[in-house]
Amino acid sequence: GVCKANLDVSIKAYKNPPETIDPPHSSIYPRDDVEL
């Protein structure tokens, strides 16, 4: 379930400007890539 949530967040990040995303969220993206 967490993986799907992360994917949803990443998709929203691509659609929405990075300004709307919190700094901690931006640090999660590279971690998600490593997990994948």
Protein backbone atom coordinates (compact mmCIF):
# COMPACT_ATOMS: atom_id res chain seq x y z
CA GLY A 1 0.00 0.00 0.00
CA VAL A 2 2.85 2.36 0.81
CA CYS A 3 4.41 1.80 -2.61
CA LYS A 4 1.15 2.76 -4.34
CA ALA A 5 0.88 5.87 -2.15
CA ASN A 6 4.44 6.85 -3.11
CA LEU A 7 3.63 6.35 -6.79
CA ASP A 8 0.56 8.58 -6.45
CA VAL A 9 2.66 11.26 -4.78
CA SER A 10 5.33 11.00 -7.46
CA ILE A 11 2.70 11.26 -10.21
CA LYS A 12 1.22 14.37 -8.56
CA ALA A 13 4.73 15.78 -8.28
CA TYR A 14 5.26 15.43 -12.06
CA LYS A 15 1.87 17.00 -12.79
CA ASN A 16 2.16 19.73 -10.15
CA PRO A 17 5.05 22.20 -9.85
CA PRO A 18 7.75 21.27 -7.30
CA GLU A 19 6.87 24.43 -5.37
CA THR A 20 3.66 22.77 -4.16
CA ILE A 21 5.63 19.80 -2.80
CA ASP A 22 7.17 19.93 0.68
CA PRO A 23 10.99 19.71 0.91
CA PRO A 24 10.90 16.31 2.73
CA HIS A 25 8.79 14.88 -0.09
CA SER A 26 11.40 15.82 -2.68
CA SER A 27 14.01 13.79 -0.77
CA ILE A 28 11.73 10.73 -0.97
CA TYR A 29 11.83 10.55 -4.77
CA PRO A 30 15.45 9.28 -5.05
CA ARG A 31 14.69 6.74 -2.31
CA ASP A 32 11.69 5.47 -4.26
CA ASP A 33 13.89 5.05 -7.34
CA VAL A 34 16.33 2.95 -5.32
CA GLU A 35 13.50 0.80 -3.92
CA LEU A 36 12.16 0.20 -7.43
